[in-house]
């Protein structure tokens, strides 16, 4: 927790004090909530390449005195300040709201341990339950042969990723990347004549989602792009039908947000991973197994 003059300026401040943590920074995040922040140390400069939202950047000296504030730094920008030893990244507009300006002295302290949330059990169980249900449904649809088992595992992974992204707004690399690699190997082993289609589907879906992420920062994240690889290796060229269905599935939610919140709803973000997984599952269950 960071404070200034007794006032909390960042109640939930993560610390990136290793090379890998500083390199990752806020990549993969779709937003930064009020009260959240990331302190990079040591650091005297930052970039926002591949980020999906603007941030306030606060440059600090070794005593955590503010040297400079760069407000609302948009994606694909860079900022630096001579003499800075630490950098604090906050939600855009937070510095103005909290009165953070050059000369202000920040101090760090440990927050009170949070109370256990009653929903923690539900959060951990839902992905597993959904994965199991979809796996069983795929076995019922395709049987217990080679393709049926592969489809069941694929559906289970998609279900787990959809639930995790819905609850935590993140698509874990430790799941989506190994799953995509394993699926590609299995598909090529079972259907070697279609290896090119699996590869083209994966690269094509990832490319489409990457272009959309770059055109509209904040709408999609790099996790969605990596999810595109998994969708493509499982569906081949049918993945483009899945992308279309996923986009259609997201529209009712977007329209609801606009209807409820008006123009402010246009600035709200929703996790796109569940919609993509839904589109892929529809195609998986409707399409016939590869010949």
Protein backbone atom coordinates (compact mmCIF):
# COMPACT_ATOMS: atom_id res chain seq x y z
CA UNK A 1 0.00 0.00 0.00
CA UNK A 2 1.32 3.46 -0.92
CA UNK A 3 0.28 6.66 0.79
CA UNK A 4 1.15 10.36 0.75
CA UNK A 5 0.61 12.59 3.76
CA UNK A 6 -1.54 9.97 5.43
CA UNK A 7 -3.80 9.55 2.39
CA UNK A 8 -3.82 6.23 0.55
CA UNK A 9 -2.88 6.68 -3.10
CA UNK A 10 -2.58 3.01 -4.06
CA UNK A 11 -4.31 0.54 -1.78
CA UNK A 12 -3.38 -2.55 -3.80
CA UNK A 13 0.08 -2.02 -5.20
CA UNK A 14 1.96 -4.91 -6.77
CA UNK A 15 5.75 -4.79 -6.96
CA UNK A 16 7.80 -5.81 -9.99
CA UNK A 17 11.36 -6.16 -8.70
CA UNK A 18 12.68 -8.86 -11.03
CA UNK A 19 13.64 -8.59 -14.68
CA UNK A 20 10.84 -10.92 -15.79
CA UNK A 21 8.22 -9.11 -13.68
CA UNK A 22 9.29 -5.71 -15.01
CA UNK A 23 9.27 -7.02 -18.58
CA UNK A 24 5.74 -8.36 -18.18
CA UNK A 25 4.45 -5.28 -16.36
CA UNK A 26 0.74 -4.89 -17.05
CA UNK A 27 0.74 -6.95 -20.25
CA UNK A 28 -2.26 -9.23 -20.44
CA UNK A 29 -4.39 -6.96 -18.27
CA UNK A 30 -7.49 -5.44 -19.84
CA UNK A 31 -7.81 -2.71 -17.24
CA UNK A 32 -6.45 -1.38 -13.96
CA UNK A 33 -9.05 -0.77 -11.28
CA UNK A 34 -9.11 2.30 -9.02
CA UNK A 35 -6.81 1.69 -6.09
CA UNK A 36 -4.60 -0.73 -8.03
CA UNK A 37 -1.10 -0.03 -9.23
CA UNK A 38 2.25 -1.52 -10.17
CA UNK A 39 5.59 -0.34 -8.74
CA UNK A 40 8.62 -1.15 -10.89
CA UNK A 41 12.02 -1.10 -9.19
CA UNK A 42 14.59 -0.31 -10.25
CA UNK A 43 13.27 1.55 -13.29
CA UNK A 44 13.64 4.96 -14.86
CA UNK A 45 11.63 4.49 -18.04
CA UNK A 46 8.60 2.56 -19.28
CA UNK A 47 6.87 1.69 -22.52
CA UNK A 48 3.26 0.76 -23.18
CA UNK A 49 3.69 -1.44 -26.25
CA UNK A 50 1.00 -4.12 -26.52
CA UNK A 51 -0.96 -2.62 -23.63
CA UNK A 52 -4.72 -2.29 -23.93
CA UNK A 53 -5.45 0.84 -21.86
CA UNK A 54 -3.89 4.18 -20.85
CA UNK A 55 -2.11 4.63 -17.52
CA UNK A 56 -0.70 7.39 -15.34
CA UNK A 57 3.07 6.99 -14.93
CA UNK A 58 4.76 8.39 -11.81
CA UNK A 59 8.55 8.66 -11.71
CA UNK A 60 10.12 8.51 -8.24
CA UNK A 61 13.62 9.00 -6.82
CA UNK A 62 15.26 6.57 -4.39
CA UNK A 63 13.39 8.21 -1.47
CA UNK A 64 10.04 7.78 -3.31
CA UNK A 65 9.65 11.49 -3.94
CA UNK A 66 7.71 12.25 -7.10
CA UNK A 67 9.96 13.67 -9.83
CA UNK A 68 7.51 13.73 -12.72
CA UNK A 69 4.01 12.58 -13.62
CA UNK A 70 3.09 11.49 -17.16
CA UNK A 71 -0.74 11.40 -17.20
CA UNK A 72 -2.86 9.08 -19.35
CA UNK A 73 -0.02 7.52 -21.33
CA UNK A 74 -1.69 5.66 -24.18
CA UNK A 75 -0.65 2.29 -25.64
CA UNK A 76 2.42 2.23 -27.86
CA UNK A 77 4.13 5.14 -26.09
CA UNK A 78 7.31 5.50 -24.02
CA UNK A 79 8.20 7.77 -21.12
CA UNK A 80 11.29 8.40 -19.00
CA UNK A 81 12.68 10.86 -16.47
CA UNK A 82 16.31 11.50 -15.58
CA UNK A 83 17.19 10.51 -12.04
CA UNK A 84 14.17 8.23 -11.56
CA UNK A 85 14.84 5.04 -9.62
CA UNK A 86 11.30 3.71 -9.38
CA UNK A 87 8.20 3.95 -11.58
CA UNK A 88 4.62 3.69 -10.37
CA UNK A 89 1.89 2.79 -12.88
CA UNK A 90 -1.66 3.78 -11.94
CA UNK A 91 -5.06 3.94 -13.68
CA UNK A 92 -5.41 6.94 -15.98
CA UNK A 93 -6.68 9.94 -14.01
CA UNK A 94 -5.59 8.58 -10.64
CA UNK A 95 -2.79 11.12 -10.15
CA UNK A 96 -5.13 14.06 -10.57
CA UNK A 97 -7.69 12.41 -8.30
CA UNK A 98 -5.15 11.65 -5.55
CA UNK A 99 -3.14 14.86 -5.84
CA UNK A 100 0.05 13.12 -6.94
CA UNK A 101 2.44 15.73 -8.36
CA UNK A 102 6.17 16.51 -8.36
CA UNK A 103 7.53 16.99 -4.85
CA UNK A 104 5.00 14.71 -3.13
CA UNK A 105 6.61 12.10 -0.87
CA UNK A 106 5.19 8.58 -1.02
CA UNK A 107 5.58 5.93 1.66
CA UNK A 108 4.97 2.19 1.59
CA UNK A 109 3.24 0.10 4.22
CA UNK A 110 1.64 -3.33 4.50
CA UNK A 111 -2.18 -3.33 4.25
CA UNK A 112 -4.40 -5.23 6.64
CA UNK A 113 -4.88 -8.87 5.57
CA UNK A 114 -8.12 -9.10 3.56
CA UNK A 115 -10.97 -11.14 4.94
CA UNK A 116 -11.62 -14.45 3.24
CA UNK A 117 -14.18 -14.14 0.49
CA UNK A 118 -17.06 -16.60 0.58
CA UNK A 119 -16.98 -16.84 -3.21
CA UNK A 120 -13.39 -18.18 -3.33
CA UNK A 121 -14.58 -21.80 -3.37
CA UNK A 122 -17.02 -21.08 -6.18
CA UNK A 123 -14.27 -19.34 -8.15
CA UNK A 124 -11.98 -22.36 -7.94
CA UNK A 125 -14.69 -24.96 -8.64
CA UNK A 126 -16.58 -23.44 -11.57
CA UNK A 127 -13.84 -23.92 -14.22
CA UNK A 128 -13.40 -27.57 -13.21
CA UNK A 129 -17.14 -28.26 -13.18
CA UNK A 130 -17.66 -26.63 -16.57
CA UNK A 131 -14.66 -28.45 -18.03
CA UNK A 132 -16.01 -31.79 -16.79
CA UNK A 133 -19.50 -31.13 -18.12
CA UNK A 134 -18.25 -30.17 -21.58
CA UNK A 135 -15.88 -33.12 -21.69
CA UNK A 136 -18.70 -35.53 -20.91
CA UNK A 137 -20.92 -33.83 -23.50
CA UNK A 138 -18.22 -34.21 -26.16
CA UNK A 139 -17.84 -37.92 -25.37
CA UNK A 140 -21.60 -38.32 -25.66
CA UNK A 141 -21.57 -36.51 -29.00
CA UNK A 142 -18.55 -38.20 -30.63
CA UNK A 143 -18.14 -41.44 -28.69
CA UNK A 144 -15.09 -42.77 -26.89
CA UNK A 145 -12.90 -43.24 -29.95
CA UNK A 146 -9.71 -41.32 -30.70
CA UNK A 147 -11.49 -38.22 -31.96
CA UNK A 148 -14.08 -38.36 -29.18
CA UNK A 149 -11.39 -38.31 -26.49
CA UNK A 150 -9.52 -35.49 -28.27
CA UNK A 151 -12.72 -33.47 -28.66
CA UNK A 152 -13.58 -34.03 -25.00
CA UNK A 153 -10.19 -32.72 -23.85
CA UNK A 154 -10.47 -29.76 -26.24
CA UNK A 155 -13.97 -28.88 -25.02
CA UNK A 156 -12.87 -29.22 -21.40
CA UNK A 157 -9.97 -26.81 -21.88
CA UNK A 158 -12.21 -24.28 -23.64
CA UNK A 159 -14.73 -24.49 -20.82
CA UNK A 160 -12.08 -23.96 -18.16
CA UNK A 161 -10.56 -20.99 -20.03
CA UNK A 162 -13.99 -19.40 -20.54
CA UNK A 163 -14.80 -19.65 -16.83
CA UNK A 164 -11.40 -18.31 -15.74
CA UNK A 165 -11.58 -15.37 -18.15
CA UNK A 166 -15.12 -14.57 -17.07
CA UNK A 167 -14.22 -14.56 -13.37
CA UNK A 168 -10.67 -13.18 -13.42
CA UNK A 169 -10.41 -11.47 -16.83
CA UNK A 170 -7.27 -13.37 -17.73
CA UNK A 171 -6.41 -16.26 -20.05
CA UNK A 172 -3.52 -18.07 -18.35
CA UNK A 173 -0.50 -18.77 -20.54
CA UNK A 174 0.20 -21.93 -18.54
CA UNK A 175 -3.04 -23.39 -19.90
CA UNK A 176 -3.65 -21.96 -23.35
CA UNK A 177 -0.14 -22.31 -24.82
CA UNK A 178 0.57 -25.93 -23.75
CA UNK A 179 -2.98 -26.88 -24.78
CA UNK A 180 -2.49 -25.36 -28.24
CA UNK A 181 0.82 -27.18 -28.70
CA UNK A 182 -0.59 -30.50 -27.50
CA UNK A 183 -3.67 -30.13 -29.70
CA UNK A 184 -1.54 -29.42 -32.77
CA UNK A 185 0.60 -32.52 -32.16
CA UNK A 186 -2.49 -34.69 -31.60
CA UNK A 187 -4.31 -33.36 -34.67
CA UNK A 188 -1.29 -33.90 -36.90
CA UNK A 189 -0.85 -37.42 -35.52
CA UNK A 190 -4.48 -38.38 -36.13
CA UNK A 191 -5.00 -36.45 -39.38
CA UNK A 192 -1.57 -35.82 -40.99
CA UNK A 193 -3.15 -34.91 -44.33
CA UNK A 194 -4.79 -31.90 -42.66
CA UNK A 195 -1.67 -30.58 -40.90
CA UNK A 196 -1.55 -27.52 -43.14
CA UNK A 197 -5.17 -26.67 -42.33
CA UNK A 198 -4.53 -26.89 -38.57
CA UNK A 199 -1.53 -24.57 -38.90
CA UNK A 200 -3.33 -22.09 -41.16
CA UNK A 201 -6.34 -22.05 -38.84
CA UNK A 202 -4.18 -21.30 -35.82
CA UNK A 203 -2.09 -18.59 -37.47
CA UNK A 204 -5.09 -17.07 -39.24
CA UNK A 205 -7.23 -16.81 -36.11
CA UNK A 206 -4.36 -15.36 -34.08
CA UNK A 207 -3.62 -12.84 -36.84
CA UNK A 208 -7.25 -11.68 -37.03
CA UNK A 209 -7.45 -11.20 -33.26
CA UNK A 210 -4.08 -9.44 -33.16
CA UNK A 211 -5.21 -6.94 -35.80
CA UNK A 212 -8.42 -6.29 -33.86
CA UNK A 213 -6.45 -5.85 -30.63
CA UNK A 214 -4.16 -3.29 -32.27
CA UNK A 215 -7.05 -1.43 -33.92
CA UNK A 216 -9.02 -1.14 -30.69
CA UNK A 217 -6.75 -1.15 -27.63
CA UNK A 218 -8.71 -2.16 -24.54
CA UNK A 219 -11.18 -4.31 -26.44
CA UNK A 220 -9.03 -7.41 -26.80
CA UNK A 221 -5.87 -8.54 -25.06
CA UNK A 222 -2.90 -10.70 -26.01
CA UNK A 223 -4.57 -13.55 -24.12
CA UNK A 224 -7.34 -13.50 -26.73
CA UNK A 225 -4.72 -13.66 -29.49
CA UNK A 226 -3.12 -16.73 -27.89
CA UNK A 227 -6.57 -18.24 -27.47
CA UNK A 228 -6.95 -17.85 -31.24
CA UNK A 229 -4.04 -20.26 -31.70
CA UNK A 230 -5.86 -22.89 -29.63
CA UNK A 231 -9.13 -22.34 -31.48
CA UNK A 232 -7.42 -22.67 -34.84
CA UNK A 233 -5.53 -25.90 -34.14
CA UNK A 234 -8.74 -27.49 -32.93
CA UNK A 235 -11.08 -26.31 -35.67
CA UNK A 236 -8.89 -25.71 -38.72
CA UNK A 237 -10.44 -23.33 -41.23
CA UNK A 238 -13.78 -23.63 -39.42
CA UNK A 239 -12.23 -21.36 -36.80
CA UNK A 240 -13.35 -18.33 -38.81
CA UNK A 241 -16.96 -19.43 -38.37
CA UNK A 242 -16.25 -19.71 -34.64
CA UNK A 243 -14.81 -16.18 -34.56
CA UNK A 244 -17.94 -14.84 -36.26
CA UNK A 245 -20.22 -16.67 -33.84
CA UNK A 246 -18.17 -15.46 -30.88
CA UNK A 247 -18.44 -11.88 -32.05
CA UNK A 248 -22.20 -12.23 -32.40
CA UNK A 249 -22.42 -13.73 -28.91
CA UNK A 250 -20.67 -10.69 -27.42
CA UNK A 251 -23.11 -8.20 -28.95
CA UNK A 252 -26.05 -8.78 -26.56
CA UNK A 253 -23.79 -8.08 -23.58
CA UNK A 254 -22.43 -4.93 -25.21
CA UNK A 255 -25.93 -3.70 -26.04
CA UNK A 256 -27.04 -4.37 -22.46
CA UNK A 257 -24.18 -2.26 -21.10
CA UNK A 258 -25.08 0.63 -23.41
CA UNK A 259 -28.77 0.35 -22.53
CA UNK A 260 -28.03 0.36 -18.80
CA UNK A 261 -25.15 2.85 -18.61
CA UNK A 262 -25.68 5.01 -21.70
CA UNK A 263 -22.56 6.52 -23.26
CA UNK A 264 -20.51 5.38 -20.29
CA UNK A 265 -21.29 1.81 -21.33
CA UNK A 266 -19.27 2.34 -24.51
CA UNK A 267 -16.13 2.67 -22.39
CA UNK A 268 -16.72 -0.50 -20.39
CA UNK A 269 -14.87 -3.65 -21.33
CA UNK A 270 -16.08 -7.23 -21.16
CA UNK A 271 -14.02 -10.43 -21.32
CA UNK A 272 -14.08 -11.63 -24.92
CA UNK A 273 -12.60 -15.05 -24.21
CA UNK A 274 -15.90 -16.66 -23.11
CA UNK A 275 -17.60 -15.51 -26.32
CA UNK A 276 -14.76 -16.91 -28.44
CA UNK A 277 -14.90 -20.21 -26.57
CA UNK A 278 -18.68 -20.35 -27.04
CA UNK A 279 -18.33 -19.87 -30.79
CA UNK A 280 -15.67 -22.59 -30.93
CA UNK A 281 -17.78 -25.02 -28.91
CA UNK A 282 -20.78 -24.48 -31.19
CA UNK A 283 -18.67 -25.28 -34.25
CA UNK A 284 -17.06 -28.28 -32.52
CA UNK A 285 -20.38 -29.88 -31.60
CA UNK A 286 -22.17 -29.08 -34.86
CA UNK A 287 -19.44 -29.98 -37.34
CA UNK A 288 -18.73 -33.56 -38.35
CA UNK A 289 -15.42 -35.15 -37.25
CA UNK A 290 -12.54 -34.85 -39.75
CA UNK A 291 -12.56 -37.54 -42.41
